[in-house]
């Protein structure tokens, strides 16, 4: 700014934040992430990823088990690609009847030992 310059820093990985090519390179970089999934559907919006999965009340525990398995695979993918997950921004949205949502409050979705908040 003006005549003041910041120090140069060599980067081993990644792209400088705010770069023009950053969003495109990020999209290319995570392009194979959905291949890690077996049960969930993958939706990418800018730099946010959404996983969706559906099931019936009689199978609520198997649905959570499947989601947990896919989250474990995502965590492995993140490790292999030297990326990390922001656990504070990771949330679970359960859509269903009040009865179903009450039952599902007893289930946990976990990624890398972190219990995901249910909303």
PDB file of N, CA and C in Angstrom:
ATOM      1  N   UNK A   1       0.853  -1.155   0.000  1.00  0.00           N
ATOM      2  CA  UNK A   1       0.000   0.000   0.000  1.00  0.00           C
ATOM      3  C   UNK A   1       0.909   1.230   0.000  1.00  0.00           C
ATOM      4  N   UNK A   2       0.602   2.130  -0.833  1.00  0.00           N
ATOM      5  CA  UNK A   2       1.461   3.294  -1.031  1.00  0.00           C
ATOM      6  C   UNK A   2       2.883   2.807  -1.289  1.00  0.00           C
ATOM      7  N   UNK A   3       3.813   3.155  -0.437  1.00  0.00           N
ATOM      8  CA  UNK A   3       5.193   2.712  -0.649  1.00  0.00           C
ATOM      9  C   UNK A   3       5.579   1.601   0.328  1.00  0.00           C
ATOM     10  N   UNK A   4       4.606   1.005   1.027  1.00  0.00           N
ATOM     11  CA  UNK A   4       4.873  -0.057   1.991  1.00  0.00           C
ATOM     12  C   UNK A   4       4.537  -1.404   1.361  1.00  0.00           C
ATOM     13  N   UNK A   5       5.466  -2.341   1.476  1.00  0.00           N
ATOM     14  CA  UNK A   5       5.283  -3.675   0.913  1.00  0.00           C
ATOM     15  C   UNK A   5       5.284  -4.707   2.029  1.00  0.00           C
ATOM     16  N   UNK A   6       4.488  -5.745   1.858  1.00  0.00           N
ATOM     17  CA  UNK A   6       4.511  -6.841   2.822  1.00  0.00           C
ATOM     18  C   UNK A   6       5.667  -7.766   2.475  1.00  0.00           C
ATOM     19  N   UNK A   7       6.045  -8.586   3.432  1.00  0.00           N
ATOM     20  CA  UNK A   7       7.141  -9.523   3.218  1.00  0.00           C
ATOM     21  C   UNK A   7       6.686 -10.632   2.268  1.00  0.00           C
ATOM     22  N   UNK A   8       7.605 -11.121   1.458  1.00  0.00           N
ATOM     23  CA  UNK A   8       7.307 -12.242   0.571  1.00  0.00           C
ATOM     24  C   UNK A   8       7.356 -13.534   1.368  1.00  0.00           C
ATOM     25  N   UNK A   9       6.427 -14.410   1.082  1.00  0.00           N
ATOM     26  CA  UNK A   9       6.389 -15.707   1.744  1.00  0.00           C
ATOM     27  C   UNK A   9       6.256 -16.770   0.662  1.00  0.00           C
ATOM     28  N   UNK A  10       7.129 -17.761   0.715  1.00  0.00           N
ATOM     29  CA  UNK A  10       7.074 -18.858  -0.246  1.00  0.00           C
ATOM     30  C   UNK A  10       5.972 -19.824   0.190  1.00  0.00           C
ATOM     31  N   UNK A  11       5.101 -20.196  -0.732  1.00  0.00           N
ATOM     32  CA  UNK A  11       4.040 -21.146  -0.421  1.00  0.00           C
ATOM     33  C   UNK A  11       4.370 -22.490  -1.047  1.00  0.00           C
ATOM     34  N   UNK A  12       4.205 -23.538  -0.252  1.00  0.00           N
ATOM     35  CA  UNK A  12       4.435 -24.902  -0.734  1.00  0.00           C
ATOM     36  C   UNK A  12       3.155 -25.476  -1.348  1.00  0.00           C
ATOM     37  N   UNK A  13       2.038 -25.089  -0.791  1.00  0.00           N
ATOM     38  CA  UNK A  13       0.731 -25.584  -1.230  1.00  0.00           C
ATOM     39  C   UNK A  13      -0.249 -24.430  -1.300  1.00  0.00           C
ATOM     40  N   UNK A  14      -1.247 -24.585  -2.122  1.00  0.00           N
ATOM     41  CA  UNK A  14      -2.336 -23.626  -2.137  1.00  0.00           C
ATOM     42  C   UNK A  14      -2.128 -22.467  -3.082  1.00  0.00           C
ATOM     43  N   UNK A  15      -3.075 -21.572  -3.017  1.00  0.00           N
ATOM     44  CA  UNK A  15      -3.116 -20.389  -3.867  1.00  0.00           C
ATOM     45  C   UNK A  15      -3.339 -19.202  -2.941  1.00  0.00           C
ATOM     46  N   UNK A  16      -2.705 -18.071  -3.210  1.00  0.00           N
ATOM     47  CA  UNK A  16      -2.943 -16.903  -2.346  1.00  0.00           C
ATOM     48  C   UNK A  16      -4.426 -16.550  -2.279  1.00  0.00           C
ATOM     49  N   UNK A  17      -4.889 -16.263  -1.070  1.00  0.00           N
ATOM     50  CA  UNK A  17      -6.293 -15.904  -0.883  1.00  0.00           C
ATOM     51  C   UNK A  17      -6.598 -14.636  -1.658  1.00  0.00           C
ATOM     52  N   UNK A  18      -7.729 -14.619  -2.336  1.00  0.00           N
ATOM     53  CA  UNK A  18      -8.143 -13.459  -3.100  1.00  0.00           C
ATOM     54  C   UNK A  18      -7.616 -13.435  -4.517  1.00  0.00           C
ATOM     55  N   UNK A  19      -6.903 -14.482  -4.920  1.00  0.00           N
ATOM     56  CA  UNK A  19      -6.374 -14.500  -6.283  1.00  0.00           C
ATOM     57  C   UNK A  19      -7.506 -14.739  -7.287  1.00  0.00           C
ATOM     58  N   UNK A  20      -7.305 -14.301  -8.486  1.00  0.00           N
ATOM     59  CA  UNK A  20      -8.318 -14.444  -9.530  1.00  0.00           C
ATOM     60  C   UNK A  20      -8.539 -15.916  -9.888  1.00  0.00           C
ATOM     61  N   UNK A  21      -7.453 -16.676  -9.935  1.00  0.00           N
ATOM     62  CA  UNK A  21      -7.562 -18.087 -10.309  1.00  0.00           C
ATOM     63  C   UNK A  21      -7.951 -18.993  -9.139  1.00  0.00           C
ATOM     64  N   UNK A  22      -7.944 -18.477  -7.906  1.00  0.00           N
ATOM     65  CA  UNK A  22      -8.216 -19.280  -6.719  1.00  0.00           C
ATOM     66  C   UNK A  22      -9.480 -20.133  -6.804  1.00  0.00           C
ATOM     67  N   UNK A  23     -10.638 -19.542  -7.091  1.00  0.00           N
ATOM     68  CA  UNK A  23     -11.866 -20.341  -7.139  1.00  0.00           C
ATOM     69  C   UNK A  23     -11.827 -21.445  -8.201  1.00  0.00           C
ATOM     70  N   UNK A  24     -11.286 -21.145  -9.372  1.00  0.00           N
ATOM     71  CA  UNK A  24     -11.198 -22.157 -10.421  1.00  0.00           C
ATOM     72  C   UNK A  24     -10.248 -23.280 -10.017  1.00  0.00           C
ATOM     73  N   UNK A  25      -9.091 -22.925  -9.494  1.00  0.00           N
ATOM     74  CA  UNK A  25      -8.118 -23.940  -9.087  1.00  0.00           C
ATOM     75  C   UNK A  25      -8.652 -24.792  -7.940  1.00  0.00           C
ATOM     76  N   UNK A  26      -9.399 -24.164  -7.015  1.00  0.00           N
ATOM     77  CA  UNK A  26     -10.009 -24.923  -5.916  1.00  0.00           C
ATOM     78  C   UNK A  26     -11.003 -25.937  -6.462  1.00  0.00           C
ATOM     79  N   UNK A  27     -11.832 -25.519  -7.404  1.00  0.00           N
ATOM     80  CA  UNK A  27     -12.821 -26.431  -8.002  1.00  0.00           C
ATOM     81  C   UNK A  27     -12.138 -27.608  -8.693  1.00  0.00           C
ATOM     82  N   UNK A  28     -11.059 -27.331  -9.389  1.00  0.00           N
ATOM     83  CA  UNK A  28     -10.317 -28.409 -10.053  1.00  0.00           C
ATOM     84  C   UNK A  28      -9.689 -29.329  -9.011  1.00  0.00           C
ATOM     85  N   UNK A  29      -9.142 -28.745  -7.952  1.00  0.00           N
ATOM     86  CA  UNK A  29      -8.446 -29.506  -6.917  1.00  0.00           C
ATOM     87  C   UNK A  29      -9.370 -30.500  -6.220  1.00  0.00           C
ATOM     88  N   UNK A  30     -10.610 -30.085  -5.928  1.00  0.00           N
ATOM     89  CA  UNK A  30     -11.523 -30.965  -5.194  1.00  0.00           C
ATOM     90  C   UNK A  30     -12.454 -31.747  -6.113  1.00  0.00           C
ATOM     91  N   UNK A  31     -12.199 -31.703  -7.404  1.00  0.00           N
ATOM     92  CA  UNK A  31     -13.075 -32.338  -8.383  1.00  0.00           C
ATOM     93  C   UNK A  31     -13.306 -33.828  -8.117  1.00  0.00           C
ATOM     94  N   UNK A  32     -12.329 -34.533  -7.549  1.00  0.00           N
ATOM     95  CA  UNK A  32     -12.488 -35.968  -7.328  1.00  0.00           C
ATOM     96  C   UNK A  32     -13.017 -36.313  -5.930  1.00  0.00           C
ATOM     97  N   UNK A  33     -13.305 -35.318  -5.104  1.00  0.00           N
ATOM     98  CA  UNK A  33     -13.821 -35.595  -3.760  1.00  0.00           C
ATOM     99  C   UNK A  33     -15.084 -36.462  -3.767  1.00  0.00           C
ATOM    100  N   UNK A  34     -16.039 -36.242  -4.682  1.00  0.00           N
ATOM    101  CA  UNK A  34     -17.243 -37.080  -4.675  1.00  0.00           C
ATOM    102  C   UNK A  34     -16.946 -38.567  -4.898  1.00  0.00           C
ATOM    103  N   UNK A  35     -15.806 -38.898  -5.484  1.00  0.00           N
ATOM    104  CA  UNK A  35     -15.457 -40.304  -5.696  1.00  0.00           C
ATOM    105  C   UNK A  35     -15.225 -41.042  -4.384  1.00  0.00           C
ATOM    106  N   UNK A  36     -14.983 -40.310  -3.306  1.00  0.00           N
ATOM    107  CA  UNK A  36     -14.764 -40.928  -2.000  1.00  0.00           C
ATOM    108  C   UNK A  36     -16.076 -41.391  -1.371  1.00  0.00           C
ATOM    109  N   UNK A  37     -17.193 -40.915  -1.885  1.00  0.00           N
ATOM    110  CA  UNK A  37     -18.497 -41.199  -1.278  1.00  0.00           C
ATOM    111  C   UNK A  37     -19.115 -42.477  -1.811  1.00  0.00           C
ATOM    112  N   UNK A  38     -19.769 -43.198  -0.914  1.00  0.00           N
ATOM    113  CA  UNK A  38     -20.494 -44.405  -1.309  1.00  0.00           C
ATOM    114  C   UNK A  38     -22.009 -44.219  -1.185  1.00  0.00           C
ATOM    115  N   UNK A  39     -22.448 -43.485  -0.157  1.00  0.00           N
ATOM    116  CA  UNK A  39     -23.874 -43.377   0.131  1.00  0.00           C
ATOM    117  C   UNK A  39     -24.460 -41.988  -0.094  1.00  0.00           C
ATOM    118  N   UNK A  40     -23.694 -40.969   0.159  1.00  0.00           N
ATOM    119  CA  UNK A  40     -24.195 -39.598   0.112  1.00  0.00           C
ATOM    120  C   UNK A  40     -24.032 -38.986  -1.271  1.00  0.00           C
ATOM    121  N   UNK A  41     -24.848 -37.990  -1.526  1.00  0.00           N
ATOM    122  CA  UNK A  41     -24.724 -37.184  -2.737  1.00  0.00           C
ATOM    123  C   UNK A  41     -23.900 -35.948  -2.390  1.00  0.00           C
ATOM    124  N   UNK A  42     -23.129 -35.469  -3.339  1.00  0.00           N
ATOM    125  CA  UNK A  42     -22.207 -34.364  -3.124  1.00  0.00           C
ATOM    126  C   UNK A  42     -22.707 -33.140  -3.885  1.00  0.00           C
ATOM    127  N   UNK A  43     -22.785 -32.008  -3.202  1.00  0.00           N
ATOM    128  CA  UNK A  43     -23.168 -30.746  -3.839  1.00  0.00           C
ATOM    129  C   UNK A  43     -22.091 -29.725  -3.488  1.00  0.00           C
ATOM    130  N   UNK A  44     -21.565 -29.062  -4.502  1.00  0.00           N
ATOM    131  CA  UNK A  44     -20.535 -28.047  -4.301  1.00  0.00           C
ATOM    132  C   UNK A  44     -21.130 -26.686  -4.636  1.00  0.00           C
ATOM    133  N   UNK A  45     -20.987 -25.757  -3.708  1.00  0.00           N
ATOM    134  CA  UNK A  45     -21.411 -24.380  -3.947  1.00  0.00           C
ATOM    135  C   UNK A  45     -20.267 -23.475  -3.511  1.00  0.00           C
ATOM    136  N   UNK A  46     -19.598 -22.865  -4.466  1.00  0.00           N
ATOM    137  CA  UNK A  46     -18.408 -22.039  -4.214  1.00  0.00           C
ATOM    138  C   UNK A  46     -17.389 -22.879  -3.447  1.00  0.00           C
ATOM    139  N   UNK A  47     -17.053 -22.488  -2.232  1.00  0.00           N
ATOM    140  CA  UNK A  47     -16.090 -23.273  -1.472  1.00  0.00           C
ATOM    141  C   UNK A  47     -16.763 -24.070  -0.352  1.00  0.00           C
ATOM    142  N   UNK A  48     -18.076 -24.225  -0.430  1.00  0.00           N
ATOM    143  CA  UNK A  48     -18.825 -25.035   0.534  1.00  0.00           C
ATOM    144  C   UNK A  48     -19.216 -26.349  -0.120  1.00  0.00           C
ATOM    145  N   UNK A  49     -19.146 -27.407   0.670  1.00  0.00           N
ATOM    146  CA  UNK A  49     -19.570 -28.724   0.194  1.00  0.00           C
ATOM    147  C   UNK A  49     -20.755 -29.178   1.030  1.00  0.00           C
ATOM    148  N   UNK A  50     -21.705 -29.770   0.367  1.00  0.00           N
ATOM    149  CA  UNK A  50     -22.878 -30.301   1.042  1.00  0.00           C
ATOM    150  C   UNK A  50     -22.994 -31.778   0.704  1.00  0.00           C
ATOM    151  N   UNK A  51     -23.254 -32.577   1.722  1.00  0.00           N
ATOM    152  CA  UNK A  51     -23.548 -33.983   1.505  1.00  0.00           C
ATOM    153  C   UNK A  51     -25.005 -34.181   1.858  1.00  0.00           C
ATOM    154  N   UNK A  52     -25.723 -34.898   1.026  1.00  0.00           N
ATOM    155  CA  UNK A  52     -27.127 -35.185   1.312  1.00  0.00           C
ATOM    156  C   UNK A  52     -27.317 -36.694   1.333  1.00  0.00           C
ATOM    157  N   UNK A  53     -28.231 -37.115   2.192  1.00  0.00           N
ATOM    158  CA  UNK A  53     -28.559 -38.542   2.291  1.00  0.00           C
ATOM    159  C   UNK A  53     -29.986 -38.646   2.798  1.00  0.00           C
ATOM    160  N   UNK A  54     -30.697 -39.642   2.363  1.00  0.00           N
ATOM    161  CA  UNK A  54     -32.081 -39.793   2.818  1.00  0.00           C
ATOM    162  C   UNK A  54     -32.317 -41.225   3.271  1.00  0.00           C
ATOM    163  N   UNK A  55     -33.313 -41.370   4.113  1.00  0.00           N
ATOM    164  CA  UNK A  55     -33.669 -42.691   4.614  1.00  0.00           C
ATOM    165  C   UNK A  55     -35.012 -42.624   5.298  1.00  0.00           C
ATOM    166  N   UNK A  56     -35.449 -43.774   5.794  1.00  0.00           N
ATOM    167  CA  UNK A  56     -36.748 -43.873   6.453  1.00  0.00           C
ATOM    168  C   UNK A  56     -36.550 -44.068   7.954  1.00  0.00           C
ATOM    169  N   UNK A  57     -37.550 -43.701   8.724  1.00  0.00           N
ATOM    170  CA  UNK A  57     -37.478 -43.773  10.182  1.00  0.00           C
ATOM    171  C   UNK A  57     -37.096 -45.168  10.673  1.00  0.00           C
ATOM    172  N   UNK A  58     -37.575 -46.186  10.027  1.00  0.00           N
ATOM    173  CA  UNK A  58     -37.270 -47.537  10.496  1.00  0.00           C
ATOM    174  C   UNK A  58     -35.801 -47.896  10.300  1.00  0.00           C
ATOM    175  N   UNK A  59     -35.085 -47.105   9.519  1.00  0.00           N
ATOM    176  CA  UNK A  59     -33.671 -47.368   9.262  1.00  0.00           C
ATOM    177  C   UNK A  59     -32.771 -46.231   9.717  1.00  0.00           C
ATOM    178  N   UNK A  60     -33.214 -45.463  10.728  1.00  0.00           N
ATOM    179  CA  UNK A  60     -32.459 -44.259  11.078  1.00  0.00           C
ATOM    180  C   UNK A  60     -31.019 -44.553  11.472  1.00  0.00           C
ATOM    181  N   UNK A  61     -30.785 -45.653  12.163  1.00  0.00           N
ATOM    182  CA  UNK A  61     -29.416 -45.942  12.598  1.00  0.00           C
ATOM    183  C   UNK A  61     -28.541 -46.355  11.428  1.00  0.00           C
ATOM    184  N   UNK A  62     -29.102 -47.059  10.458  1.00  0.00           N
ATOM    185  CA  UNK A  62     -28.301 -47.421   9.284  1.00  0.00           C
ATOM    186  C   UNK A  62     -27.999 -46.185   8.449  1.00  0.00           C
ATOM    187  N   UNK A  63     -28.929 -45.242   8.387  1.00  0.00           N
ATOM    188  CA  UNK A  63     -28.685 -43.995   7.652  1.00  0.00           C
ATOM    189  C   UNK A  63     -27.525 -43.246   8.302  1.00  0.00           C
ATOM    190  N   UNK A  64     -27.523 -43.125   9.624  1.00  0.00           N
ATOM    191  CA  UNK A  64     -26.436 -42.439  10.312  1.00  0.00           C
ATOM    192  C   UNK A  64     -25.123 -43.200  10.142  1.00  0.00           C
ATOM    193  N   UNK A  65     -25.189 -44.510  10.151  1.00  0.00           N
ATOM    194  CA  UNK A  65     -23.989 -45.315   9.937  1.00  0.00           C
ATOM    195  C   UNK A  65     -23.408 -45.049   8.548  1.00  0.00           C
ATOM    196  N   UNK A  66     -24.268 -44.988   7.545  1.00  0.00           N
ATOM    197  CA  UNK A  66     -23.810 -44.702   6.180  1.00  0.00           C
ATOM    198  C   UNK A  66     -23.212 -43.299   6.063  1.00  0.00           C
ATOM    199  N   UNK A  67     -23.847 -42.327   6.701  1.00  0.00           N
ATOM    200  CA  UNK A  67     -23.314 -40.967   6.686  1.00  0.00           C
ATOM    201  C   UNK A  67     -21.946 -40.938   7.372  1.00  0.00           C
ATOM    202  N   UNK A  68     -21.826 -41.601   8.514  1.00  0.00           N
ATOM    203  CA  UNK A  68     -20.543 -41.649   9.217  1.00  0.00           C
ATOM    204  C   UNK A  68     -19.459 -42.316   8.369  1.00  0.00           C
ATOM    205  N   UNK A  69     -19.818 -43.375   7.638  1.00  0.00           N
ATOM    206  CA  UNK A  69     -18.838 -44.036   6.772  1.00  0.00           C
ATOM    207  C   UNK A  69     -18.356 -43.091   5.672  1.00  0.00           C
ATOM    208  N   UNK A  70     -19.281 -42.358   5.071  1.00  0.00           N
ATOM    209  CA  UNK A  70     -18.881 -41.403   4.028  1.00  0.00           C
ATOM    210  C   UNK A  70     -18.058 -40.259   4.605  1.00  0.00           C
ATOM    211  N   UNK A  71     -18.385 -39.796   5.801  1.00  0.00           N
ATOM    212  CA  UNK A  71     -17.596 -38.739   6.426  1.00  0.00           C
ATOM    213  C   UNK A  71     -16.182 -39.224   6.736  1.00  0.00           C
ATOM    214  N   UNK A  72     -16.060 -40.482   7.107  1.00  0.00           N
ATOM    215  CA  UNK A  72     -14.725 -41.055   7.336  1.00  0.00           C
ATOM    216  C   UNK A  72     -13.921 -41.058   6.034  1.00  0.00           C
ATOM    217  N   UNK A  73     -14.583 -41.395   4.933  1.00  0.00           N
ATOM    218  CA  UNK A  73     -13.916 -41.375   3.619  1.00  0.00           C
ATOM    219  C   UNK A  73     -13.529 -39.954   3.213  1.00  0.00           C
ATOM    220  N   UNK A  74     -14.405 -38.989   3.496  1.00  0.00           N
ATOM    221  CA  UNK A  74     -14.090 -37.588   3.203  1.00  0.00           C
ATOM    222  C   UNK A  74     -12.881 -37.153   4.021  1.00  0.00           C
ATOM    223  N   UNK A  75     -12.846 -37.549   5.291  1.00  0.00           N
ATOM    224  CA  UNK A  75     -11.719 -37.192   6.138  1.00  0.00           C
ATOM    225  C   UNK A  75     -10.413 -37.784   5.592  1.00  0.00           C
ATOM    226  N   UNK A  76     -10.459 -39.019   5.104  1.00  0.00           N
ATOM    227  CA  UNK A  76      -9.280 -39.638   4.493  1.00  0.00           C
ATOM    228  C   UNK A  76      -8.861 -38.859   3.242  1.00  0.00           C
ATOM    229  N   UNK A  77      -9.838 -38.458   2.436  1.00  0.00           N
ATOM    230  CA  UNK A  77      -9.548 -37.684   1.225  1.00  0.00           C
ATOM    231  C   UNK A  77      -8.880 -36.364   1.603  1.00  0.00           C
ATOM    232  N   UNK A  78      -9.419 -35.695   2.627  1.00  0.00           N
ATOM    233  CA  UNK A  78      -8.845 -34.426   3.072  1.00  0.00           C
ATOM    234  C   UNK A  78      -7.390 -34.606   3.513  1.00  0.00           C
ATOM    235  N   UNK A  79      -7.124 -35.667   4.284  1.00  0.00           N
ATOM    236  CA  UNK A  79      -5.756 -35.935   4.734  1.00  0.00           C
ATOM    237  C   UNK A  79      -4.820 -36.167   3.548  1.00  0.00           C
ATOM    238  N   UNK A  80      -5.266 -36.983   2.601  1.00  0.00           N
ATOM    239  CA  UNK A  80      -4.434 -37.299   1.435  1.00  0.00           C
ATOM    240  C   UNK A  80      -4.145 -36.064   0.592  1.00  0.00           C
ATOM    241  N   UNK A  81      -5.062 -35.120   0.581  1.00  0.00           N
ATOM    242  CA  UNK A  81      -4.912 -33.921  -0.240  1.00  0.00           C
ATOM    243  C   UNK A  81      -4.464 -32.704   0.565  1.00  0.00           C
ATOM    244  N   UNK A  82      -3.994 -32.976   1.790  1.00  0.00           N
ATOM    245  CA  UNK A  82      -3.450 -31.938   2.672  1.00  0.00           C
ATOM    246  C   UNK A  82      -4.406 -30.763   2.846  1.00  0.00           C
ATOM    247  N   UNK A  83      -5.658 -31.114   3.086  1.00  0.00           N
ATOM    248  CA  UNK A  83      -6.679 -30.103   3.363  1.00  0.00           C
ATOM    249  C   UNK A  83      -7.256 -30.389   4.745  1.00  0.00           C
ATOM    250  N   UNK A  84      -7.952 -29.422   5.293  1.00  0.00           N
ATOM    251  CA  UNK A  84      -8.571 -29.619   6.598  1.00  0.00           C
ATOM    252  C   UNK A  84     -10.013 -29.129   6.559  1.00  0.00           C
ATOM    253  N   UNK A  85     -10.783 -29.632   7.492  1.00  0.00           N
ATOM    254  CA  UNK A  85     -12.192 -29.287   7.599  1.00  0.00           C
ATOM    255  C   UNK A  85     -12.362 -28.281   8.726  1.00  0.00           C
ATOM    256  N   UNK A  86     -13.182 -27.290   8.513  1.00  0.00           N
ATOM    257  CA  UNK A  86     -13.504 -26.336   9.568  1.00  0.00           C
ATOM    258  C   UNK A  86     -14.652 -26.937  10.378  1.00  0.00           C
ATOM    259  N   UNK A  87     -14.310 -27.555  11.501  1.00  0.00           N
ATOM    260  CA  UNK A  87     -15.313 -28.249  12.314  1.00  0.00           C
ATOM    261  C   UNK A  87     -16.363 -27.294  12.875  1.00  0.00           C
ATOM    262  N   UNK A  88     -15.983 -26.040  13.119  1.00  0.00           N
ATOM    263  CA  UNK A  88     -16.942 -25.071  13.659  1.00  0.00           C
ATOM    264  C   UNK A  88     -18.051 -24.751  12.664  1.00  0.00           C
ATOM    265  N   UNK A  89     -17.783 -24.927  11.376  1.00  0.00           N
ATOM    266  CA  UNK A  89     -18.788 -24.640  10.344  1.00  0.00           C
ATOM    267  C   UNK A  89     -19.505 -25.903   9.869  1.00  0.00           C
ATOM    268  N   UNK A  90     -19.141 -27.045  10.427  1.00  0.00           N
ATOM    269  CA  UNK A  90     -19.728 -28.306   9.994  1.00  0.00           C
ATOM    270  C   UNK A  90     -20.999 -28.572  10.789  1.00  0.00           C
ATOM    271  N   UNK A  91     -22.110 -28.713  10.086  1.00  0.00           N
ATOM    272  CA  UNK A  91     -23.404 -28.899  10.742  1.00  0.00           C
ATOM    273  C   UNK A  91     -24.211 -29.961  10.022  1.00  0.00           C
ATOM    274  N   UNK A  92     -25.176 -30.521  10.732  1.00  0.00           N
ATOM    275  CA  UNK A  92     -26.084 -31.518  10.191  1.00  0.00           C
ATOM    276  C   UNK A  92     -27.499 -30.971  10.279  1.00  0.00           C
ATOM    277  N   UNK A  93     -28.209 -31.043   9.183  1.00  0.00           N
ATOM    278  CA  UNK A  93     -29.607 -30.630   9.157  1.00  0.00           C
ATOM    279  C   UNK A  93     -30.456 -31.874   8.938  1.00  0.00           C
ATOM    280  N   UNK A  94     -31.343 -32.141   9.868  1.00  0.00           N
ATOM    281  CA  UNK A  94     -32.255 -33.275   9.756  1.00  0.00           C
ATOM    282  C   UNK A  94     -33.620 -32.727   9.374  1.00  0.00           C
ATOM    283  N   UNK A  95     -34.170 -33.248   8.304  1.00  0.00           N
ATOM    284  CA  UNK A  95     -35.487 -32.823   7.835  1.00  0.00           C
ATOM    285  C   UNK A  95     -36.440 -34.001   7.978  1.00  0.00           C
ATOM    286  N   UNK A  96     -37.540 -33.774   8.660  1.00  0.00           N
ATOM    287  CA  UNK A  96     -38.517 -34.840   8.834  1.00  0.00           C
ATOM    288  C   UNK A  96     -39.582 -34.427   9.822  1.00  0.00           C
ATOM    289  N   UNK A  97     -40.369 -35.398  10.222  1.00  0.00           N
ATOM    290  CA  UNK A  97     -41.429 -35.133  11.193  1.00  0.00           C
ATOM    291  C   UNK A  97     -40.816 -34.889  12.568  1.00  0.00           C
ATOM    292  N   UNK A  98     -41.597 -34.314  13.474  1.00  0.00           N
ATOM    293  CA  UNK A  98     -41.103 -34.073  14.825  1.00  0.00           C
ATOM    294  C   UNK A  98     -40.713 -35.386  15.494  1.00  0.00           C
ATOM    295  N   UNK A  99     -41.494 -36.424  15.299  1.00  0.00           N
ATOM    296  CA  UNK A  99     -41.192 -37.735  15.886  1.00  0.00           C
ATOM    297  C   UNK A  99     -39.843 -38.241  15.386  1.00  0.00           C
ATOM    298  N   UNK A 100     -39.625 -38.148  14.088  1.00  0.00           N
ATOM    299  CA  UNK A 100     -38.372 -38.626  13.513  1.00  0.00           C
ATOM    300  C   UNK A 100     -37.193 -37.807  14.039  1.00  0.00           C
ATOM    301  N   UNK A 101     -37.345 -36.499  14.082  1.00  0.00           N
ATOM    302  CA  UNK A 101     -36.259 -35.640  14.559  1.00  0.00           C
ATOM    303  C   UNK A 101     -35.942 -35.921  16.025  1.00  0.00           C
ATOM    304  N   UNK A 102     -36.962 -36.194  16.845  1.00  0.00           N
ATOM    305  CA  UNK A 102     -36.732 -36.524  18.253  1.00  0.00           C
ATOM    306  C   UNK A 102     -35.940 -37.821  18.386  1.00  0.00           C
ATOM    307  N   UNK A 103     -36.276 -38.816  17.581  1.00  0.00           N
ATOM    308  CA  UNK A 103     -35.553 -40.094  17.612  1.00  0.00           C
ATOM    309  C   UNK A 103     -34.107 -39.896  17.168  1.00  0.00           C
ATOM    310  N   UNK A 104     -33.901 -39.085  16.140  1.00  0.00           N
ATOM    311  CA  UNK A 104     -32.563 -38.890  15.593  1.00  0.00           C
ATOM    312  C   UNK A 104     -31.656 -38.081  16.507  1.00  0.00           C
ATOM    313  N   UNK A 105     -32.201 -37.396  17.494  1.00  0.00           N
ATOM    314  CA  UNK A 105     -31.365 -36.662  18.442  1.00  0.00           C
ATOM    315  C   UNK A 105     -30.467 -37.585  19.250  1.00  0.00           C
ATOM    316  N   UNK A 106     -30.807 -38.890  19.298  1.00  0.00           N
ATOM    317  CA  UNK A 106     -29.988 -39.865  20.025  1.00  0.00           C
ATOM    318  C   UNK A 106     -28.842 -40.404  19.172  1.00  0.00           C
ATOM    319  N   UNK A 107     -28.787 -40.036  17.904  1.00  0.00           N
ATOM    320  CA  UNK A 107     -27.751 -40.517  16.995  1.00  0.00           C
ATOM    321  C   UNK A 107     -26.669 -39.454  16.839  1.00  0.00           C
ATOM    322  N   UNK A 108     -25.448 -39.917  16.649  1.00  0.00           N
ATOM    323  CA  UNK A 108     -24.342 -38.981  16.448  1.00  0.00           C
ATOM    324  C   UNK A 108     -23.745 -39.157  15.062  1.00  0.00           C
ATOM    325  N   UNK A 109     -23.412 -38.040  14.463  1.00  0.00           N
ATOM    326  CA  UNK A 109     -22.636 -38.023  13.229  1.00  0.00           C
ATOM    327  C   UNK A 109     -21.269 -37.495  13.622  1.00  0.00           C
ATOM    328  N   UNK A 110     -20.234 -38.265  13.287  1.00  0.00           N
ATOM    329  CA  UNK A 110     -18.886 -37.955  13.757  1.00  0.00           C
ATOM    330  C   UNK A 110     -17.928 -37.920  12.577  1.00  0.00           C
ATOM    331  N   UNK A 111     -17.034 -36.927  12.571  1.00  0.00           N
ATOM    332  CA  UNK A 111     -15.954 -36.891  11.593  1.00  0.00           C
ATOM    333  C   UNK A 111     -14.665 -36.581  12.343  1.00  0.00           C
ATOM    334  N   UNK A 112     -13.723 -37.483  12.232  1.00  0.00           N
ATOM    335  CA  UNK A 112     -12.413 -37.350  12.867  1.00  0.00           C
ATOM    336  C   UNK A 112     -12.534 -37.103  14.373  1.00  0.00           C
ATOM    337  N   UNK A 113     -13.479 -37.798  15.017  1.00  0.00           N
ATOM    338  CA  UNK A 113     -13.692 -37.654  16.451  1.00  0.00           C
ATOM    339  C   UNK A 113     -14.531 -36.456  16.859  1.00  0.00           C
ATOM    340  N   UNK A 114     -14.899 -35.611  15.907  1.00  0.00           N
ATOM    341  CA  UNK A 114     -15.698 -34.421  16.188  1.00  0.00           C
ATOM    342  C   UNK A 114     -17.167 -34.751  15.961  1.00  0.00           C
ATOM    343  N   UNK A 115     -18.000 -34.533  16.988  1.00  0.00           N
ATOM    344  CA  UNK A 115     -19.437 -34.777  16.861  1.00  0.00           C
ATOM    345  C   UNK A 115     -20.062 -33.560  16.184  1.00  0.00           C
ATOM    346  N   UNK A 116     -20.708 -33.798  15.054  1.00  0.00           N
ATOM    347  CA  UNK A 116     -21.298 -32.730  14.254  1.00  0.00           C
ATOM    348  C   UNK A 116     -22.565 -32.224  14.934  1.00  0.00           C
ATOM    349  N   UNK A 117     -22.709 -30.897  14.973  1.00  0.00           N
ATOM    350  CA  UNK A 117     -23.898 -30.276  15.563  1.00  0.00           C
ATOM    351  C   UNK A 117     -25.128 -30.572  14.710  1.00  0.00           C
ATOM    352  N   UNK A 118     -26.230 -30.929  15.382  1.00  0.00           N
ATOM    353  CA  UNK A 118     -27.490 -31.184  14.683  1.00  0.00           C
ATOM    354  C   UNK A 118     -28.383 -29.961  14.829  1.00  0.00           C
ATOM    355  N   UNK A 119     -28.930 -29.515  13.693  1.00  0.00           N
ATOM    356  CA  UNK A 119     -29.871 -28.373  13.695  1.00  0.00           C
ATOM    357  C   UNK A 119     -31.169 -28.800  13.091  1.00  0.00           C
TER     358      UNK A 119
END
